[in-house]
PDB file of N, CA and C in Angstrom:
ATOM      1  N   UNK A   1      20.146   3.699  38.614  1.00  0.00           N
ATOM      2  CA  UNK A   1      20.087   4.722  37.588  1.00  0.00           C
ATOM      3  C   UNK A   1      20.045   4.105  36.195  1.00  0.00           C
ATOM      4  N   UNK A   2      20.798   3.032  35.994  1.00  0.00           N
ATOM      5  CA  UNK A   2      20.836   2.358  34.705  1.00  0.00           C
ATOM      6  C   UNK A   2      19.474   1.760  34.363  1.00  0.00           C
ATOM      7  N   UNK A   3      18.801   1.229  35.402  1.00  0.00           N
ATOM      8  CA  UNK A   3      17.480   0.638  35.167  1.00  0.00           C
ATOM      9  C   UNK A   3      16.485   1.696  34.696  1.00  0.00           C
ATOM     10  N   UNK A   4      16.551   2.881  35.240  1.00  0.00           N
ATOM     11  CA  UNK A   4      15.645   3.956  34.861  1.00  0.00           C
ATOM     12  C   UNK A   4      15.888   4.356  33.407  1.00  0.00           C
ATOM     13  N   UNK A   5      17.137   4.455  33.016  1.00  0.00           N
ATOM     14  CA  UNK A   5      17.474   4.816  31.634  1.00  0.00           C
ATOM     15  C   UNK A   5      17.001   3.731  30.677  1.00  0.00           C
ATOM     16  N   UNK A   6      17.251   2.472  31.020  1.00  0.00           N
ATOM     17  CA  UNK A   6      16.817   1.369  30.163  1.00  0.00           C
ATOM     18  C   UNK A   6      15.289   1.305  30.067  1.00  0.00           C
ATOM     19  N   UNK A   7      14.585   1.548  31.172  1.00  0.00           N
ATOM     20  CA  UNK A   7      13.124   1.560  31.138  1.00  0.00           C
ATOM     21  C   UNK A   7      12.602   2.724  30.297  1.00  0.00           C
ATOM     22  N   UNK A   8      13.253   3.856  30.360  1.00  0.00           N
ATOM     23  CA  UNK A   8      12.846   5.002  29.543  1.00  0.00           C
ATOM     24  C   UNK A   8      13.043   4.703  28.061  1.00  0.00           C
ATOM     25  N   UNK A   9      14.160   4.095  27.712  1.00  0.00           N
ATOM     26  CA  UNK A   9      14.424   3.723  26.311  1.00  0.00           C
ATOM     27  C   UNK A   9      13.394   2.695  25.852  1.00  0.00           C
ATOM     28  N   UNK A  10      13.111   1.716  26.679  1.00  0.00           N
ATOM     29  CA  UNK A  10      12.113   0.698  26.341  1.00  0.00           C
ATOM     30  C   UNK A  10      10.741   1.333  26.139  1.00  0.00           C
ATOM     31  N   UNK A  11      10.371   2.253  27.011  1.00  0.00           N
ATOM     32  CA  UNK A  11       9.087   2.933  26.887  1.00  0.00           C
ATOM     33  C   UNK A  11       9.011   3.717  25.572  1.00  0.00           C
ATOM     34  N   UNK A  12      10.070   4.406  25.215  1.00  0.00           N
ATOM     35  CA  UNK A  12      10.104   5.177  23.968  1.00  0.00           C
ATOM     36  C   UNK A  12       9.969   4.252  22.766  1.00  0.00           C
ATOM     37  N   UNK A  13      10.682   3.132  22.775  1.00  0.00           N
ATOM     38  CA  UNK A  13      10.613   2.184  21.657  1.00  0.00           C
ATOM     39  C   UNK A  13       9.214   1.598  21.523  1.00  0.00           C
ATOM     40  N   UNK A  14       8.616   1.207  22.629  1.00  0.00           N
ATOM     41  CA  UNK A  14       7.266   0.631  22.590  1.00  0.00           C
ATOM     42  C   UNK A  14       6.256   1.679  22.121  1.00  0.00           C
ATOM     43  N   UNK A  15       6.397   2.909  22.581  1.00  0.00           N
ATOM     44  CA  UNK A  15       5.477   3.965  22.155  1.00  0.00           C
ATOM     45  C   UNK A  15       5.599   4.226  20.664  1.00  0.00           C
ATOM     46  N   UNK A  16       6.809   4.243  20.128  1.00  0.00           N
ATOM     47  CA  UNK A  16       7.005   4.459  18.691  1.00  0.00           C
ATOM     48  C   UNK A  16       6.406   3.325  17.871  1.00  0.00           C
ATOM     49  N   UNK A  17       6.590   2.094  18.328  1.00  0.00           N
ATOM     50  CA  UNK A  17       6.008   0.943  17.625  1.00  0.00           C
ATOM     51  C   UNK A  17       4.491   1.045  17.637  1.00  0.00           C
ATOM     52  N   UNK A  18       3.916   1.398  18.774  1.00  0.00           N
ATOM     53  CA  UNK A  18       2.462   1.538  18.864  1.00  0.00           C
ATOM     54  C   UNK A  18       1.956   2.577  17.874  1.00  0.00           C
ATOM     55  N   UNK A  19       2.593   3.747  17.814  1.00  0.00           N
ATOM     56  CA  UNK A  19       2.125   4.801  16.924  1.00  0.00           C
ATOM     57  C   UNK A  19       2.321   4.442  15.465  1.00  0.00           C
ATOM     58  N   UNK A  20       3.378   3.700  15.129  1.00  0.00           N
ATOM     59  CA  UNK A  20       3.556   3.263  13.738  1.00  0.00           C
ATOM     60  C   UNK A  20       2.448   2.302  13.331  1.00  0.00           C
ATOM     61  N   UNK A  21       2.110   1.374  14.216  1.00  0.00           N
ATOM     62  CA  UNK A  21       1.024   0.434  13.925  1.00  0.00           C
ATOM     63  C   UNK A  21      -0.294   1.196  13.809  1.00  0.00           C
ATOM     64  N   UNK A  22      -0.541   2.110  14.711  1.00  0.00           N
ATOM     65  CA  UNK A  22      -1.767   2.899  14.691  1.00  0.00           C
ATOM     66  C   UNK A  22      -1.862   3.710  13.393  1.00  0.00           C
ATOM     67  N   UNK A  23      -0.775   4.367  12.983  1.00  0.00           N
ATOM     68  CA  UNK A  23      -0.777   5.120  11.725  1.00  0.00           C
ATOM     69  C   UNK A  23      -1.014   4.201  10.529  1.00  0.00           C
ATOM     70  N   UNK A  24      -0.460   2.986  10.556  1.00  0.00           N
ATOM     71  CA  UNK A  24      -0.679   2.030   9.479  1.00  0.00           C
ATOM     72  C   UNK A  24      -2.128   1.608   9.373  1.00  0.00           C
ATOM     73  N   UNK A  25      -2.773   1.413  10.510  1.00  0.00           N
ATOM     74  CA  UNK A  25      -4.191   1.032  10.513  1.00  0.00           C
ATOM     75  C   UNK A  25      -5.028   2.171   9.952  1.00  0.00           C
ATOM     76  N   UNK A  26      -4.729   3.389  10.346  1.00  0.00           N
ATOM     77  CA  UNK A  26      -5.474   4.548   9.840  1.00  0.00           C
ATOM     78  C   UNK A  26      -5.256   4.699   8.334  1.00  0.00           C
ATOM     79  N   UNK A  27      -4.017   4.551   7.874  1.00  0.00           N
ATOM     80  CA  UNK A  27      -3.732   4.667   6.437  1.00  0.00           C
ATOM     81  C   UNK A  27      -4.414   3.550   5.655  1.00  0.00           C
ATOM     82  N   UNK A  28      -4.477   2.360   6.217  1.00  0.00           N
ATOM     83  CA  UNK A  28      -5.130   1.246   5.549  1.00  0.00           C
ATOM     84  C   UNK A  28      -6.635   1.405   5.478  1.00  0.00           C
ATOM     85  N   UNK A  29      -7.193   2.144   6.433  1.00  0.00           N
ATOM     86  CA  UNK A  29      -8.641   2.359   6.440  1.00  0.00           C
ATOM     87  C   UNK A  29      -9.064   3.332   5.349  1.00  0.00           C
ATOM     88  N   UNK A  30      -8.140   4.135   4.870  1.00  0.00           N
ATOM     89  CA  UNK A  30      -8.454   5.072   3.785  1.00  0.00           C
ATOM     90  C   UNK A  30      -8.370   4.319   2.467  1.00  0.00           C
ATOM     91  N   UNK A  31      -9.490   4.087   1.857  1.00  0.00           N
ATOM     92  CA  UNK A  31      -9.540   3.376   0.585  1.00  0.00           C
ATOM     93  C   UNK A  31      -9.892   4.344  -0.527  1.00  0.00           C
ATOM     94  N   UNK A  32      -9.608   4.000  -1.776  1.00  0.00           N
ATOM     95  CA  UNK A  32     -10.000   4.879  -2.872  1.00  0.00           C
ATOM     96  C   UNK A  32     -11.502   5.144  -2.918  1.00  0.00           C
ATOM     97  N   UNK A  33     -12.307   4.218  -2.417  1.00  0.00           N
ATOM     98  CA  UNK A  33     -13.746   4.424  -2.417  1.00  0.00           C
ATOM     99  C   UNK A  33     -14.136   5.547  -1.460  1.00  0.00           C
ATOM    100  N   UNK A  34     -13.319   5.767  -0.446  1.00  0.00           N
ATOM    101  CA  UNK A  34     -13.602   6.834   0.517  1.00  0.00           C
ATOM    102  C   UNK A  34     -13.030   8.167   0.085  1.00  0.00           C
ATOM    103  N   UNK A  35     -12.169   8.170  -0.923  1.00  0.00           N
ATOM    104  CA  UNK A  35     -11.547   9.416  -1.337  1.00  0.00           C
ATOM    105  C   UNK A  35     -12.479  10.191  -2.264  1.00  0.00           C
ATOM    106  N   UNK A  36     -12.370  11.507  -2.264  1.00  0.00           N
ATOM    107  CA  UNK A  36     -13.246  12.309  -3.125  1.00  0.00           C
ATOM    108  C   UNK A  36     -12.863  12.173  -4.587  1.00  0.00           C
ATOM    109  N   UNK A  37     -13.808  12.453  -5.449  1.00  0.00           N
ATOM    110  CA  UNK A  37     -13.546  12.412  -6.882  1.00  0.00           C
ATOM    111  C   UNK A  37     -14.087  11.148  -7.515  1.00  0.00           C
ATOM    112  N   UNK A  38     -14.260  11.187  -8.831  1.00  0.00           N
ATOM    113  CA  UNK A  38     -14.795  10.016  -9.525  1.00  0.00           C
ATOM    114  C   UNK A  38     -13.745   8.908  -9.625  1.00  0.00           C
ATOM    115  N   UNK A  39     -14.179   7.649  -9.687  1.00  0.00           N
ATOM    116  CA  UNK A  39     -13.221   6.560  -9.832  1.00  0.00           C
ATOM    117  C   UNK A  39     -12.605   6.577 -11.230  1.00  0.00           C
ATOM    118  N   UNK A  40     -11.410   6.049 -11.324  1.00  0.00           N
ATOM    119  CA  UNK A  40     -10.730   5.999 -12.612  1.00  0.00           C
ATOM    120  C   UNK A  40     -11.452   5.016 -13.525  1.00  0.00           C
ATOM    121  N   UNK A  41     -11.552   5.380 -14.799  1.00  0.00           N
ATOM    122  CA  UNK A  41     -12.231   4.487 -15.738  1.00  0.00           C
ATOM    123  C   UNK A  41     -11.269   3.365 -16.145  1.00  0.00           C
ATOM    124  N   UNK A  42     -11.789   2.155 -16.329  1.00  0.00           N
ATOM    125  CA  UNK A  42     -10.932   1.033 -16.701  1.00  0.00           C
ATOM    126  C   UNK A  42     -10.411   1.185 -18.131  1.00  0.00           C
ATOM    127  N   UNK A  43      -9.259   0.622 -18.376  1.00  0.00           N
ATOM    128  CA  UNK A  43      -8.651   0.660 -19.705  1.00  0.00           C
ATOM    129  C   UNK A  43      -8.789  -0.720 -20.322  1.00  0.00           C
ATOM    130  N   UNK A  44      -9.334  -0.790 -21.520  1.00  0.00           N
ATOM    131  CA  UNK A  44      -9.468  -2.069 -22.197  1.00  0.00           C
ATOM    132  C   UNK A  44      -8.108  -2.435 -22.783  1.00  0.00           C
ATOM    133  N   UNK A  45      -7.627  -3.613 -22.456  1.00  0.00           N
ATOM    134  CA  UNK A  45      -6.342  -4.082 -22.956  1.00  0.00           C
ATOM    135  C   UNK A  45      -6.546  -4.906 -24.220  1.00  0.00           C
ATOM    136  N   UNK A  46      -5.563  -4.860 -25.104  1.00  0.00           N
ATOM    137  CA  UNK A  46      -5.579  -5.667 -26.324  1.00  0.00           C
ATOM    138  C   UNK A  46      -4.357  -6.569 -26.313  1.00  0.00           C
ATOM    139  N   UNK A  47      -4.454  -7.658 -27.038  1.00  0.00           N
ATOM    140  CA  UNK A  47      -3.389  -8.664 -27.029  1.00  0.00           C
ATOM    141  C   UNK A  47      -2.415  -8.444 -28.173  1.00  0.00           C
ATOM    142  N   UNK A  48      -1.131  -8.496 -27.848  1.00  0.00           N
ATOM    143  CA  UNK A  48      -0.073  -8.428 -28.847  1.00  0.00           C
ATOM    144  C   UNK A  48      -0.157  -9.709 -29.685  1.00  0.00           C
ATOM    145  N   UNK A  49      -0.297  -9.608 -31.028  1.00  0.00           N
ATOM    146  CA  UNK A  49      -0.464 -10.805 -31.844  1.00  0.00           C
ATOM    147  C   UNK A  49       0.795 -11.666 -31.949  1.00  0.00           C
ATOM    148  N   UNK A  50       1.941 -11.149 -31.558  1.00  0.00           N
ATOM    149  CA  UNK A  50       3.191 -11.915 -31.679  1.00  0.00           C
ATOM    150  C   UNK A  50       3.477 -12.695 -30.401  1.00  0.00           C
ATOM    151  N   UNK A  51       3.559 -12.000 -29.270  1.00  0.00           N
ATOM    152  CA  UNK A  51       3.957 -12.684 -28.030  1.00  0.00           C
ATOM    153  C   UNK A  51       2.800 -12.947 -27.079  1.00  0.00           C
ATOM    154  N   UNK A  52       1.640 -12.326 -27.318  1.00  0.00           N
ATOM    155  CA  UNK A  52       0.475 -12.577 -26.482  1.00  0.00           C
ATOM    156  C   UNK A  52       0.362 -11.695 -25.257  1.00  0.00           C
ATOM    157  N   UNK A  53       1.252 -10.740 -25.088  1.00  0.00           N
ATOM    158  CA  UNK A  53       1.191  -9.825 -23.960  1.00  0.00           C
ATOM    159  C   UNK A  53       0.007  -8.874 -24.128  1.00  0.00           C
ATOM    160  N   UNK A  54      -0.673  -8.565 -23.031  1.00  0.00           N
ATOM    161  CA  UNK A  54      -1.764  -7.597 -23.077  1.00  0.00           C
ATOM    162  C   UNK A  54      -1.190  -6.200 -22.872  1.00  0.00           C
ATOM    163  N   UNK A  55      -1.584  -5.273 -23.737  1.00  0.00           N
ATOM    164  CA  UNK A  55      -1.080  -3.901 -23.690  1.00  0.00           C
ATOM    165  C   UNK A  55      -2.243  -2.914 -23.756  1.00  0.00           C
ATOM    166  N   UNK A  56      -2.011  -1.716 -23.240  1.00  0.00           N
ATOM    167  CA  UNK A  56      -3.006  -0.638 -23.324  1.00  0.00           C
ATOM    168  C   UNK A  56      -2.827   0.058 -24.666  1.00  0.00           C
ATOM    169  N   UNK A  57      -3.867   0.181 -25.481  1.00  0.00           N
ATOM    170  CA  UNK A  57      -3.734   0.784 -26.805  1.00  0.00           C
ATOM    171  C   UNK A  57      -3.170   2.201 -26.776  1.00  0.00           C
ATOM    172  N   UNK A  58      -3.436   2.957 -25.726  1.00  0.00           N
ATOM    173  CA  UNK A  58      -2.965   4.329 -25.660  1.00  0.00           C
ATOM    174  C   UNK A  58      -1.463   4.466 -25.538  1.00  0.00           C
ATOM    175  N   UNK A  59      -0.809   3.463 -24.999  1.00  0.00           N
ATOM    176  CA  UNK A  59       0.631   3.546 -24.781  1.00  0.00           C
ATOM    177  C   UNK A  59       1.415   2.527 -25.598  1.00  0.00           C
ATOM    178  N   UNK A  60       0.729   1.659 -26.335  1.00  0.00           N
ATOM    179  CA  UNK A  60       1.401   0.597 -27.080  1.00  0.00           C
ATOM    180  C   UNK A  60       1.852   1.086 -28.454  1.00  0.00           C
ATOM    181  N   UNK A  61       2.788   0.365 -29.033  1.00  0.00           N
ATOM    182  CA  UNK A  61       3.188   0.608 -30.419  1.00  0.00           C
ATOM    183  C   UNK A  61       2.116   0.014 -31.317  1.00  0.00           C
ATOM    184  N   UNK A  62       1.859   0.629 -32.455  1.00  0.00           N
ATOM    185  CA  UNK A  62       0.798   0.132 -33.319  1.00  0.00           C
ATOM    186  C   UNK A  62       1.276   0.027 -34.760  1.00  0.00           C
ATOM    187  N   UNK A  63       0.523  -0.747 -35.517  1.00  0.00           N
ATOM    188  CA  UNK A  63       0.783  -0.933 -36.937  1.00  0.00           C
ATOM    189  C   UNK A  63      -0.562  -1.205 -37.601  1.00  0.00           C
ATOM    190  N   UNK A  64      -0.856  -0.476 -38.665  1.00  0.00           N
ATOM    191  CA  UNK A  64      -2.098  -0.697 -39.401  1.00  0.00           C
ATOM    192  C   UNK A  64      -1.782  -1.520 -40.629  1.00  0.00           C
ATOM    193  N   UNK A  65      -2.432  -2.662 -40.714  1.00  0.00           N
ATOM    194  CA  UNK A  65      -2.223  -3.563 -41.840  1.00  0.00           C
ATOM    195  C   UNK A  65      -3.565  -4.165 -42.230  1.00  0.00           C
ATOM    196  N   UNK A  66      -3.833  -4.224 -43.521  1.00  0.00           N
ATOM    197  CA  UNK A  66      -5.074  -4.798 -44.055  1.00  0.00           C
ATOM    198  C   UNK A  66      -6.306  -4.108 -43.474  1.00  0.00           C
ATOM    199  N   UNK A  67      -6.208  -2.822 -43.200  1.00  0.00           N
ATOM    200  CA  UNK A  67      -7.353  -2.075 -42.713  1.00  0.00           C
ATOM    201  C   UNK A  67      -7.625  -2.218 -41.235  1.00  0.00           C
ATOM    202  N   UNK A  68      -6.816  -2.959 -40.499  1.00  0.00           N
ATOM    203  CA  UNK A  68      -7.025  -3.068 -39.049  1.00  0.00           C
ATOM    204  C   UNK A  68      -5.742  -2.686 -38.318  1.00  0.00           C
ATOM    205  N   UNK A  69      -5.911  -2.165 -37.132  1.00  0.00           N
ATOM    206  CA  UNK A  69      -4.775  -1.729 -36.335  1.00  0.00           C
ATOM    207  C   UNK A  69      -4.402  -2.816 -35.340  1.00  0.00           C
ATOM    208  N   UNK A  70      -3.119  -3.126 -35.283  1.00  0.00           N
ATOM    209  CA  UNK A  70      -2.585  -4.112 -34.346  1.00  0.00           C
ATOM    210  C   UNK A  70      -1.689  -3.376 -33.360  1.00  0.00           C
ATOM    211  N   UNK A  71      -1.712  -3.804 -32.095  1.00  0.00           N
ATOM    212  CA  UNK A  71      -0.932  -3.161 -31.036  1.00  0.00           C
ATOM    213  C   UNK A  71       0.126  -4.124 -30.531  1.00  0.00           C
ATOM    214  N   UNK A  72       1.310  -3.576 -30.207  1.00  0.00           N
ATOM    215  CA  UNK A  72       2.454  -4.399 -29.832  1.00  0.00           C
ATOM    216  C   UNK A  72       3.096  -3.888 -28.557  1.00  0.00           C
ATOM    217  N   UNK A  73       3.714  -4.800 -27.812  1.00  0.00           N
ATOM    218  CA  UNK A  73       4.374  -4.436 -26.559  1.00  0.00           C
ATOM    219  C   UNK A  73       5.760  -3.858 -26.798  1.00  0.00           C
ATOM    220  N   UNK A  74       6.387  -4.204 -27.917  1.00  0.00           N
ATOM    221  CA  UNK A  74       7.741  -3.721 -28.183  1.00  0.00           C
ATOM    222  C   UNK A  74       7.964  -3.580 -29.679  1.00  0.00           C
ATOM    223  N   UNK A  75       9.046  -2.905 -30.003  1.00  0.00           N
ATOM    224  CA  UNK A  75       9.415  -2.726 -31.402  1.00  0.00           C
ATOM    225  C   UNK A  75       9.814  -4.068 -32.026  1.00  0.00           C
ATOM    226  N   UNK A  76      10.370  -4.961 -31.234  1.00  0.00           N
ATOM    227  CA  UNK A  76      10.765  -6.288 -31.730  1.00  0.00           C
ATOM    228  C   UNK A  76       9.533  -7.053 -32.211  1.00  0.00           C
ATOM    229  N   UNK A  77       8.468  -7.030 -31.416  1.00  0.00           N
ATOM    230  CA  UNK A  77       7.238  -7.721 -31.815  1.00  0.00           C
ATOM    231  C   UNK A  77       6.626  -7.069 -33.053  1.00  0.00           C
ATOM    232  N   UNK A  78       6.640  -5.752 -33.109  1.00  0.00           N
ATOM    233  CA  UNK A  78       6.076  -5.054 -34.260  1.00  0.00           C
ATOM    234  C   UNK A  78       6.851  -5.387 -35.533  1.00  0.00           C
ATOM    235  N   UNK A  79       8.165  -5.386 -35.465  1.00  0.00           N
ATOM    236  CA  UNK A  79       8.979  -5.716 -36.645  1.00  0.00           C
ATOM    237  C   UNK A  79       8.820  -7.187 -37.033  1.00  0.00           C
ATOM    238  N   UNK A  80       8.669  -8.064 -36.050  1.00  0.00           N
ATOM    239  CA  UNK A  80       8.454  -9.478 -36.340  1.00  0.00           C
ATOM    240  C   UNK A  80       7.122  -9.666 -37.069  1.00  0.00           C
ATOM    241  N   UNK A  81       6.094  -8.950 -36.663  1.00  0.00           N
ATOM    242  CA  UNK A  81       4.798  -9.025 -37.325  1.00  0.00           C
ATOM    243  C   UNK A  81       4.883  -8.433 -38.728  1.00  0.00           C
ATOM    244  N   UNK A  82       5.589  -7.330 -38.862  1.00  0.00           N
ATOM    245  CA  UNK A  82       5.719  -6.638 -40.152  1.00  0.00           C
ATOM    246  C   UNK A  82       6.436  -7.524 -41.172  1.00  0.00           C
ATOM    247  N   UNK A  83       7.458  -8.235 -40.760  1.00  0.00           N
ATOM    248  CA  UNK A  83       8.221  -9.077 -41.690  1.00  0.00           C
ATOM    249  C   UNK A  83       7.567 -10.444 -41.903  1.00  0.00           C
ATOM    250  N   UNK A  84       6.545 -10.734 -41.142  1.00  0.00           N
ATOM    251  CA  UNK A  84       5.837 -12.000 -41.333  1.00  0.00           C
ATOM    252  C   UNK A  84       6.435 -13.153 -40.586  1.00  0.00           C
ATOM    253  N   UNK A  85       7.326 -12.881 -39.634  1.00  0.00           N
ATOM    254  CA  UNK A  85       7.949 -13.955 -38.865  1.00  0.00           C
ATOM    255  C   UNK A  85       7.063 -14.428 -37.724  1.00  0.00           C
ATOM    256  N   UNK A  86       5.935 -13.780 -37.534  1.00  0.00           N
ATOM    257  CA  UNK A  86       5.061 -14.140 -36.403  1.00  0.00           C
ATOM    258  C   UNK A  86       4.428 -15.465 -36.621  1.00  0.00           C
TER     259      UNK A  86
END
């Protein structure tokens, strides 16, 4: 009787592992290229003049100086540029 119970538990565990792997393969086969809708447009990144980090202009902190706009990753970099410590 114990062998039957252990074999049933083993069968259940193996079946669950098989279905998890199968679901993973199916999920991996779905790529953004196969999904409906237009692809996302790329965002041009700009370089922080103080630390060199690349940031997206839409979400970065900015400062206009000498007629040009500079983008920063943090307030620390922006203040460092503003005070001339860069």
